[in-house]
Amino acid sequence: MTSKLPYFLLALAAVVLDQISKLAVLADFQYQERLNIIPNFFDLTLVFNPGAAFSFLADQGGWQKFFFLALAVVICVYLARSIVRDDFARWGKIGAAMIIGGAIGNVIDRLAYGHVVDFLLFYWQDWYYPAFNIADSFICVGAVFLVLDGLFKNKKAEAKDGQAV
């Protein structure tokens, strides 16, 4: 289990970075206040998301909070189990740990505030990418690592099968 400790420490680091950044924004910003960082490209802001990515299901009656909480717990348990069982190669374990940390960061928000705190806003002219947070960043990068792990694992399996013929 000690060989798996760095992955769980990475997940913990993701949670800590996410929560510290959210607490700082909550302390210094009013709802929908914006602070321009890079003109015509990036602002810090404070918005709340009761839904999932891109505010998916945000306008529902509140049941989505419990759905996303349960979904996050199931995914975290599955990924943690996969790390412990060595189901992934190194990059897959890193990706899984990043997803676990990001998911826990957003779960904390849902439990503490009833919604997720978002504050990173990228845009160009009239185009806006939906505001997001550090946890979302860990989840997205972790997902890329998991996909790459799966692709490389399949390539290795195909190469091994090809040599066995």
Protein backbone atom coordinates (compact mmCIF):
# COMPACT_ATOMS: atom_id res chain seq x y z
CA MET A 1 0.00 0.00 0.00
CA THR A 2 2.90 2.39 0.63
CA SER A 3 3.72 2.30 -3.09
CA LYS A 4 0.23 3.73 -3.69
CA LEU A 5 0.63 6.51 -1.11
CA PRO A 6 1.96 9.12 -3.59
CA TYR A 7 -1.21 8.80 -5.66
CA PHE A 8 -3.44 9.41 -2.66
CA LEU A 9 -1.22 12.32 -1.59
CA LEU A 10 -1.72 13.78 -5.08
CA ALA A 11 -5.49 13.48 -4.61
CA LEU A 12 -5.17 15.21 -1.23
CA ALA A 13 -3.05 17.98 -2.76
CA ALA A 14 -5.73 18.54 -5.40
CA VAL A 15 -8.39 18.89 -2.69
CA VAL A 16 -6.27 21.29 -0.64
CA LEU A 17 -5.33 23.51 -3.63
CA ASP A 18 -8.93 23.56 -4.78
CA GLN A 19 -10.39 24.45 -1.40
CA ILE A 20 -7.77 27.11 -0.61
CA SER A 21 -8.40 28.80 -3.96
CA LYS A 22 -12.17 28.70 -3.47
CA LEU A 23 -11.95 30.09 0.07
CA ALA A 24 -9.78 32.95 -1.21
CA VAL A 25 -12.26 33.82 -3.95
CA LEU A 26 -15.23 33.55 -1.59
CA ALA A 27 -13.49 35.89 0.86
CA ASP A 28 -12.51 38.52 -1.71
CA PHE A 29 -15.30 38.54 -4.33
CA GLN A 30 -18.97 39.33 -4.41
CA TYR A 31 -21.21 37.06 -6.50
CA GLN A 32 -20.57 37.69 -10.24
CA GLU A 33 -17.85 40.24 -9.50
CA ARG A 34 -15.05 40.07 -12.07
CA LEU A 35 -11.40 41.01 -11.89
CA ASN A 36 -9.64 41.25 -15.22
CA ILE A 37 -6.26 39.47 -15.20
CA ILE A 38 -5.43 39.23 -18.91
CA PRO A 39 -7.34 41.80 -21.02
CA ASN A 40 -9.86 40.26 -23.41
CA PHE A 41 -8.92 36.73 -22.34
CA PHE A 42 -9.03 35.84 -18.61
CA ASP A 43 -10.88 37.08 -15.52
CA LEU A 44 -11.30 35.90 -11.98
CA THR A 45 -14.95 35.90 -10.99
CA LEU A 46 -17.30 34.29 -8.50
CA VAL A 47 -20.19 32.22 -9.79
CA PHE A 48 -22.05 29.22 -8.43
CA ASN A 49 -22.96 26.06 -10.30
CA PRO A 50 -25.65 23.80 -8.82
CA GLY A 51 -25.32 21.45 -11.81
CA ALA A 52 -22.46 19.58 -13.43
CA ALA A 53 -20.06 20.58 -16.20
CA PHE A 54 -21.33 23.54 -18.23
CA SER A 55 -24.19 23.89 -15.69
CA PHE A 56 -25.74 20.63 -16.89
CA LEU A 57 -28.99 20.06 -14.92
CA ALA A 58 -28.45 23.30 -12.99
CA ASP A 59 -32.07 24.36 -13.43
CA GLN A 60 -33.53 21.21 -11.86
CA GLY A 61 -35.27 21.24 -8.49
CA GLY A 62 -32.28 20.30 -6.34
CA TRP A 63 -32.30 16.52 -6.77
CA GLN A 64 -29.20 16.86 -8.97
CA LYS A 65 -27.11 17.78 -5.90
CA PHE A 66 -27.67 14.30 -4.46
CA PHE A 67 -27.22 12.63 -7.84
CA PHE A 68 -23.83 14.31 -8.40
CA LEU A 69 -22.76 13.57 -4.82
CA ALA A 70 -23.58 9.87 -5.25
CA LEU A 71 -21.94 9.75 -8.67
CA ALA A 72 -18.75 11.33 -7.34
CA VAL A 73 -18.58 8.87 -4.45
CA VAL A 74 -19.05 5.87 -6.76
CA ILE A 75 -16.41 7.13 -9.19
CA CYS A 76 -13.93 7.91 -6.39
CA VAL A 77 -14.37 4.46 -4.82
CA TYR A 78 -13.93 2.77 -8.21
CA LEU A 79 -10.81 4.78 -9.07
CA ALA A 80 -9.25 4.34 -5.61
CA ARG A 81 -9.86 0.59 -5.84
CA SER A 82 -8.30 0.58 -9.32
CA ILE A 83 -5.20 2.35 -8.01
CA VAL A 84 -4.82 -0.14 -5.16
CA ARG A 85 -5.32 -3.12 -7.50
CA ASP A 86 -2.84 -1.78 -10.09
CA ASP A 87 -5.51 -1.69 -12.81
CA PHE A 88 -3.72 1.27 -14.38
CA ALA A 89 -0.15 1.98 -15.37
CA ARG A 90 1.64 4.93 -13.73
CA TRP A 91 -0.03 7.70 -15.77
CA GLY A 92 -3.42 6.11 -15.31
CA LYS A 93 -2.91 6.07 -11.55
CA ILE A 94 -1.88 9.73 -11.65
CA GLY A 95 -4.99 10.52 -13.70
CA ALA A 96 -7.21 8.55 -11.34
CA ALA A 97 -5.74 10.38 -8.34
CA MET A 98 -6.33 13.73 -10.03
CA ILE A 99 -9.96 12.84 -10.73
CA ILE A 100 -10.46 11.66 -7.15
CA GLY A 101 -9.03 14.91 -5.76
CA GLY A 102 -11.07 17.09 -8.11
CA ALA A 103 -14.27 15.17 -7.42
CA ILE A 104 -13.76 15.42 -3.66
CA GLY A 105 -13.11 19.16 -3.99
CA ASN A 106 -16.44 19.65 -5.75
CA VAL A 107 -18.23 17.29 -3.33
CA ILE A 108 -17.05 19.46 -0.45
CA ASP A 109 -18.63 22.47 -2.18
CA ARG A 110 -21.94 20.69 -2.73
CA LEU A 111 -22.06 19.65 0.92
CA ALA A 112 -20.92 23.02 2.32
CA TYR A 113 -22.72 25.42 -0.02
CA GLY A 114 -25.26 23.42 -2.03
CA HIS A 115 -23.41 24.27 -5.26
CA VAL A 116 -19.92 24.29 -6.75
CA VAL A 117 -17.85 27.48 -6.54
CA ASP A 118 -16.37 28.47 -9.92
CA PHE A 119 -14.03 31.38 -10.54
CA LEU A 120 -11.78 30.92 -13.60
CA LEU A 121 -13.29 32.61 -16.66
CA PHE A 122 -11.68 32.45 -20.10
CA TYR A 123 -13.15 34.32 -23.06
CA TRP A 124 -12.34 35.90 -26.40
CA GLN A 125 -14.46 38.74 -27.80
CA ASP A 126 -18.08 37.46 -27.54
CA TRP A 127 -17.12 33.82 -26.81
CA TYR A 128 -17.02 32.65 -23.18
CA TYR A 129 -15.91 29.30 -21.84
CA PRO A 130 -18.04 28.46 -18.79
CA ALA A 131 -16.37 29.42 -15.52
CA PHE A 132 -14.64 26.55 -13.75
CA ASN A 133 -12.33 25.87 -10.80
CA ILE A 134 -9.13 24.05 -9.81
CA ALA A 135 -11.02 20.81 -9.09
CA ASP A 136 -12.48 20.84 -12.61
CA SER A 137 -8.96 21.31 -14.00
CA PHE A 138 -7.68 18.29 -12.07
CA ILE A 139 -10.64 16.22 -13.30
CA CYS A 140 -10.08 17.17 -16.95
CA VAL A 141 -6.32 16.60 -16.94
CA GLY A 142 -6.81 13.36 -15.00
CA ALA A 143 -9.33 12.15 -17.58
CA VAL A 144 -6.81 12.83 -20.37
CA PHE A 145 -4.18 10.82 -18.46
CA LEU A 146 -6.63 7.91 -18.03
CA VAL A 147 -7.49 7.91 -21.74
CA LEU A 148 -3.80 7.98 -22.69
CA ASP A 149 -3.10 5.17 -20.22
CA GLY A 150 -5.84 3.09 -21.83
CA LEU A 151 -4.60 3.82 -25.35
CA PHE A 152 -1.00 2.93 -24.53
CA LYS A 153 -2.10 -0.18 -22.64
CA ASN A 154 -4.09 -1.30 -25.71
CA LYS A 155 -1.14 -0.55 -28.03
CA LYS A 156 1.16 -2.64 -25.83
CA ALA A 157 -1.40 -5.47 -25.75
CA GLU A 158 -1.76 -5.35 -29.55
CA ALA A 159 2.02 -5.38 -30.02
CA LYS A 160 2.34 -8.31 -27.60
CA ASP A 161 -0.45 -10.23 -29.37
CA GLY A 162 1.19 -9.54 -32.73
CA GLN A 163 4.51 -10.99 -31.53
CA ALA A 164 2.83 -14.10 -30.17
CA VAL A 165 1.44 -15.10 -33.58
